[in-house]
Amino acid sequence: MITLKEAKNYLRVDYDEDDRLIQNLLLTAKNLVMDVGRMDEDAFARNEDTVRTAMLFALGYLYENRSNPDYQKLTLNLRSILFAQREGVM
């Protein structure tokens, strides 16, 4: 859904040394969004715009706070972004 090039542009990274880290963080962001959003692959694809926003938010947070992330804070923010898309909430 989000390419490495898009992720690096969002993070304003113009060097290649962190490519592997960014790819791993993209996968982590996807898994977090799916878990917090209570989404399967179909729901994930159906809500592309919101999911992209949530993934980029998670990616930015994880990249900037990679030495000491606060997962509770991240999860609460993702819940706010994904509230309307969360399966089984409403």
N, C-alpha and C. Protein backbone atom coordinates (compact mmCIF):
# COMPACT_ATOMS: atom_id res chain seq x y z
N MET A 1 0.82 -1.19 0.00
CA MET A 1 0.00 0.00 0.00
C MET A 1 0.87 1.26 0.00
N ILE A 2 1.88 1.30 0.81
CA ILE A 2 2.80 2.44 0.85
C ILE A 2 4.17 1.92 0.42
N THR A 3 4.72 2.53 -0.60
CA THR A 3 6.02 2.10 -1.11
C THR A 3 7.14 2.68 -0.24
N LEU A 4 8.30 2.11 -0.39
CA LEU A 4 9.47 2.62 0.33
C LEU A 4 9.74 4.07 -0.08
N LYS A 5 9.59 4.37 -1.35
CA LYS A 5 9.81 5.74 -1.83
C LYS A 5 8.84 6.71 -1.16
N GLU A 6 7.56 6.33 -1.09
CA GLU A 6 6.56 7.19 -0.43
C GLU A 6 6.89 7.37 1.05
N ALA A 7 7.29 6.28 1.70
CA ALA A 7 7.62 6.33 3.12
C ALA A 7 8.81 7.26 3.36
N LYS A 8 9.84 7.13 2.54
CA LYS A 8 11.03 7.97 2.70
C LYS A 8 10.69 9.43 2.45
N ASN A 9 9.83 9.69 1.49
CA ASN A 9 9.40 11.06 1.22
C ASN A 9 8.64 11.61 2.42
N TYR A 10 7.74 10.82 2.99
CA TYR A 10 6.96 11.24 4.16
C TYR A 10 7.88 11.55 5.35
N LEU A 11 8.89 10.69 5.53
CA LEU A 11 9.82 10.85 6.64
C LEU A 11 10.92 11.88 6.34
N ARG A 12 10.97 12.32 5.10
CA ARG A 12 12.00 13.25 4.64
C ARG A 12 13.40 12.67 4.80
N VAL A 13 13.51 11.41 4.39
CA VAL A 13 14.78 10.70 4.41
C VAL A 13 15.28 10.62 2.97
N ASP A 14 16.47 11.10 2.71
CA ASP A 14 16.98 11.08 1.34
C ASP A 14 18.25 10.25 1.20
N TYR A 15 18.49 9.37 2.12
CA TYR A 15 19.64 8.47 2.06
C TYR A 15 19.12 7.03 2.17
N ASP A 16 19.98 6.08 1.82
CA ASP A 16 19.56 4.68 1.73
C ASP A 16 19.90 3.84 2.96
N GLU A 17 20.63 4.38 3.89
CA GLU A 17 21.09 3.59 5.03
C GLU A 17 19.94 3.04 5.88
N ASP A 18 18.81 3.74 5.93
CA ASP A 18 17.69 3.31 6.77
C ASP A 18 16.60 2.56 5.99
N ASP A 19 16.88 2.18 4.74
CA ASP A 19 15.85 1.53 3.93
C ASP A 19 15.29 0.27 4.58
N ARG A 20 16.16 -0.56 5.08
CA ARG A 20 15.70 -1.81 5.71
C ARG A 20 14.86 -1.52 6.96
N LEU A 21 15.30 -0.58 7.77
CA LEU A 21 14.56 -0.18 8.96
C LEU A 21 13.18 0.35 8.58
N ILE A 22 13.12 1.20 7.58
CA ILE A 22 11.85 1.79 7.15
C ILE A 22 10.91 0.70 6.63
N GLN A 23 11.43 -0.25 5.87
CA GLN A 23 10.59 -1.35 5.38
C GLN A 23 10.05 -2.18 6.55
N ASN A 24 10.87 -2.44 7.54
CA ASN A 24 10.41 -3.18 8.73
C ASN A 24 9.37 -2.38 9.50
N LEU A 25 9.58 -1.07 9.62
CA LEU A 25 8.61 -0.23 10.32
C LEU A 25 7.29 -0.13 9.55
N LEU A 26 7.34 -0.17 8.22
CA LEU A 26 6.11 -0.19 7.43
C LEU A 26 5.30 -1.45 7.71
N LEU A 27 5.98 -2.58 7.81
CA LEU A 27 5.30 -3.83 8.13
C LEU A 27 4.71 -3.77 9.54
N THR A 28 5.47 -3.24 10.47
CA THR A 28 4.97 -3.07 11.84
C THR A 28 3.77 -2.13 11.87
N ALA A 29 3.85 -1.04 11.12
CA ALA A 29 2.73 -0.09 11.06
C ALA A 29 1.48 -0.76 10.49
N LYS A 30 1.65 -1.55 9.46
CA LYS A 30 0.50 -2.26 8.87
C LYS A 30 -0.12 -3.20 9.90
N ASN A 31 0.71 -3.97 10.58
CA ASN A 31 0.19 -4.90 11.58
C ASN A 31 -0.51 -4.17 12.73
N LEU A 32 0.06 -3.06 13.17
CA LEU A 32 -0.57 -2.27 14.23
C LEU A 32 -1.93 -1.73 13.78
N VAL A 33 -1.99 -1.20 12.56
CA VAL A 33 -3.24 -0.65 12.04
C VAL A 33 -4.29 -1.76 11.94
N MET A 34 -3.89 -2.91 11.46
CA MET A 34 -4.84 -4.02 11.34
C MET A 34 -5.31 -4.48 12.72
N ASP A 35 -4.41 -4.55 13.68
CA ASP A 35 -4.77 -4.98 15.03
C ASP A 35 -5.65 -3.96 15.73
N VAL A 36 -5.23 -2.71 15.73
CA VAL A 36 -5.99 -1.66 16.40
C VAL A 36 -7.34 -1.45 15.71
N GLY A 37 -7.34 -1.54 14.38
CA GLY A 37 -8.57 -1.37 13.62
C GLY A 37 -9.44 -2.61 13.58
N ARG A 38 -8.94 -3.69 14.16
CA ARG A 38 -9.67 -4.97 14.12
C ARG A 38 -10.06 -5.31 12.69
N MET A 39 -9.10 -5.24 11.80
CA MET A 39 -9.35 -5.40 10.37
C MET A 39 -8.71 -6.68 9.83
N ASP A 40 -9.42 -7.27 8.87
CA ASP A 40 -8.80 -8.31 8.06
C ASP A 40 -8.29 -7.63 6.79
N GLU A 41 -7.73 -8.41 5.87
CA GLU A 41 -7.17 -7.82 4.66
C GLU A 41 -8.22 -7.08 3.83
N ASP A 42 -9.46 -7.61 3.78
CA ASP A 42 -10.52 -6.97 3.00
C ASP A 42 -10.88 -5.60 3.58
N ALA A 43 -11.08 -5.53 4.89
CA ALA A 43 -11.41 -4.26 5.54
C ALA A 43 -10.25 -3.28 5.41
N PHE A 44 -9.05 -3.80 5.46
CA PHE A 44 -7.84 -2.98 5.31
C PHE A 44 -7.85 -2.30 3.94
N ALA A 45 -8.14 -3.07 2.90
CA ALA A 45 -8.15 -2.54 1.54
C ALA A 45 -9.36 -1.61 1.31
N ARG A 46 -10.48 -1.92 1.92
CA ARG A 46 -11.70 -1.13 1.75
C ARG A 46 -11.57 0.29 2.31
N ASN A 47 -10.76 0.45 3.32
CA ASN A 47 -10.60 1.74 4.00
C ASN A 47 -9.24 2.36 3.69
N GLU A 48 -8.86 2.34 2.44
CA GLU A 48 -7.51 2.69 2.03
C GLU A 48 -7.06 4.08 2.49
N ASP A 49 -7.90 5.09 2.33
CA ASP A 49 -7.48 6.45 2.68
C ASP A 49 -7.16 6.58 4.16
N THR A 50 -8.06 6.10 5.00
CA THR A 50 -7.85 6.19 6.45
C THR A 50 -6.69 5.31 6.89
N VAL A 51 -6.60 4.14 6.29
CA VAL A 51 -5.52 3.21 6.63
C VAL A 51 -4.16 3.81 6.26
N ARG A 52 -4.08 4.45 5.11
CA ARG A 52 -2.82 5.10 4.71
C ARG A 52 -2.42 6.18 5.71
N THR A 53 -3.40 6.97 6.13
CA THR A 53 -3.12 8.02 7.12
C THR A 53 -2.61 7.40 8.42
N ALA A 54 -3.29 6.36 8.87
CA ALA A 54 -2.89 5.69 10.12
C ALA A 54 -1.51 5.06 9.99
N MET A 55 -1.25 4.43 8.85
CA MET A 55 0.06 3.80 8.65
C MET A 55 1.18 4.84 8.63
N LEU A 56 0.95 5.95 7.95
CA LEU A 56 1.98 6.99 7.90
C LEU A 56 2.20 7.61 9.28
N PHE A 57 1.12 7.79 10.03
CA PHE A 57 1.26 8.29 11.39
C PHE A 57 2.10 7.33 12.23
N ALA A 58 1.76 6.04 12.17
CA ALA A 58 2.49 5.03 12.94
C ALA A 58 3.95 4.96 12.49
N LEU A 59 4.16 4.99 11.19
CA LEU A 59 5.53 4.95 10.65
C LEU A 59 6.35 6.13 11.17
N GLY A 60 5.78 7.33 11.08
CA GLY A 60 6.49 8.51 11.55
C GLY A 60 6.80 8.43 13.03
N TYR A 61 5.81 7.99 13.81
CA TYR A 61 6.01 7.88 15.26
C TYR A 61 7.11 6.86 15.57
N LEU A 62 7.02 5.68 14.95
CA LEU A 62 7.99 4.63 15.22
C LEU A 62 9.40 5.03 14.77
N TYR A 63 9.49 5.72 13.65
CA TYR A 63 10.80 6.13 13.15
C TYR A 63 11.43 7.20 14.05
N GLU A 64 10.64 8.17 14.44
CA GLU A 64 11.17 9.26 15.26
C GLU A 64 11.43 8.84 16.70
N ASN A 65 10.72 7.84 17.18
CA ASN A 65 10.85 7.39 18.57
C ASN A 65 11.40 5.97 18.65
N ARG A 66 12.24 5.60 17.69
CA ARG A 66 12.70 4.21 17.61
C ARG A 66 13.53 3.76 18.81
N SER A 67 14.10 4.68 19.52
CA SER A 67 14.88 4.27 20.69
C SER A 67 14.03 4.06 21.93
N ASN A 68 12.86 4.71 22.00
CA ASN A 68 12.03 4.58 23.19
C ASN A 68 10.56 4.89 22.88
N PRO A 69 9.90 4.04 22.07
CA PRO A 69 8.50 4.32 21.71
C PRO A 69 7.54 4.04 22.87
N ASP A 70 6.50 4.83 22.95
CA ASP A 70 5.42 4.64 23.92
C ASP A 70 4.25 4.01 23.16
N TYR A 71 4.16 2.68 23.21
CA TYR A 71 3.15 1.97 22.43
C TYR A 71 1.73 2.26 22.89
N GLN A 72 1.56 2.56 24.15
CA GLN A 72 0.22 2.91 24.63
C GLN A 72 -0.25 4.21 23.98
N LYS A 73 0.62 5.19 23.94
CA LYS A 73 0.30 6.48 23.31
C LYS A 73 0.02 6.28 21.81
N LEU A 74 0.85 5.49 21.15
CA LEU A 74 0.67 5.21 19.73
C LEU A 74 -0.67 4.51 19.49
N THR A 75 -0.98 3.52 20.29
CA THR A 75 -2.23 2.78 20.14
C THR A 75 -3.45 3.68 20.34
N LEU A 76 -3.40 4.54 21.33
CA LEU A 76 -4.52 5.46 21.56
C LEU A 76 -4.72 6.41 20.38
N ASN A 77 -3.63 6.90 19.82
CA ASN A 77 -3.73 7.77 18.64
C ASN A 77 -4.28 7.00 17.44
N LEU A 78 -3.84 5.77 17.24
CA LEU A 78 -4.36 4.96 16.14
C LEU A 78 -5.84 4.67 16.32
N ARG A 79 -6.26 4.41 17.55
CA ARG A 79 -7.69 4.20 17.81
C ARG A 79 -8.50 5.42 17.41
N SER A 80 -7.98 6.60 17.69
CA SER A 80 -8.68 7.83 17.32
C SER A 80 -8.80 7.96 15.80
N ILE A 81 -7.74 7.66 15.10
CA ILE A 81 -7.74 7.75 13.64
C ILE A 81 -8.68 6.71 13.03
N LEU A 82 -8.67 5.50 13.59
CA LEU A 82 -9.39 4.37 13.00
C LEU A 82 -10.77 4.11 13.59
N PHE A 83 -11.23 4.94 14.51
CA PHE A 83 -12.45 4.63 15.25
C PHE A 83 -13.60 4.22 14.36
N ALA A 84 -13.90 4.96 13.33
CA ALA A 84 -15.05 4.67 12.48
C ALA A 84 -14.88 3.40 11.65
N GLN A 85 -13.64 2.96 11.44
CA GLN A 85 -13.40 1.78 10.65
C GLN A 85 -13.22 0.51 11.47
N ARG A 86 -13.12 0.64 12.78
CA ARG A 86 -12.85 -0.53 13.62
C ARG A 86 -14.01 -1.53 13.55
N GLU A 87 -13.69 -2.76 13.22
CA GLU A 87 -14.70 -3.81 13.13
C GLU A 87 -15.26 -4.13 14.51
N GLY A 88 -16.57 -4.23 14.60
CA GLY A 88 -17.20 -4.64 15.84
C GLY A 88 -17.36 -3.53 16.87
N VAL A 89 -17.00 -2.31 16.54
CA VAL A 89 -17.12 -1.22 17.50
C VAL A 89 -18.54 -0.67 17.50
N MET A 90 -19.12 -0.53 16.33
CA MET A 90 -20.45 0.05 16.24
C MET A 90 -21.45 -0.99 15.80
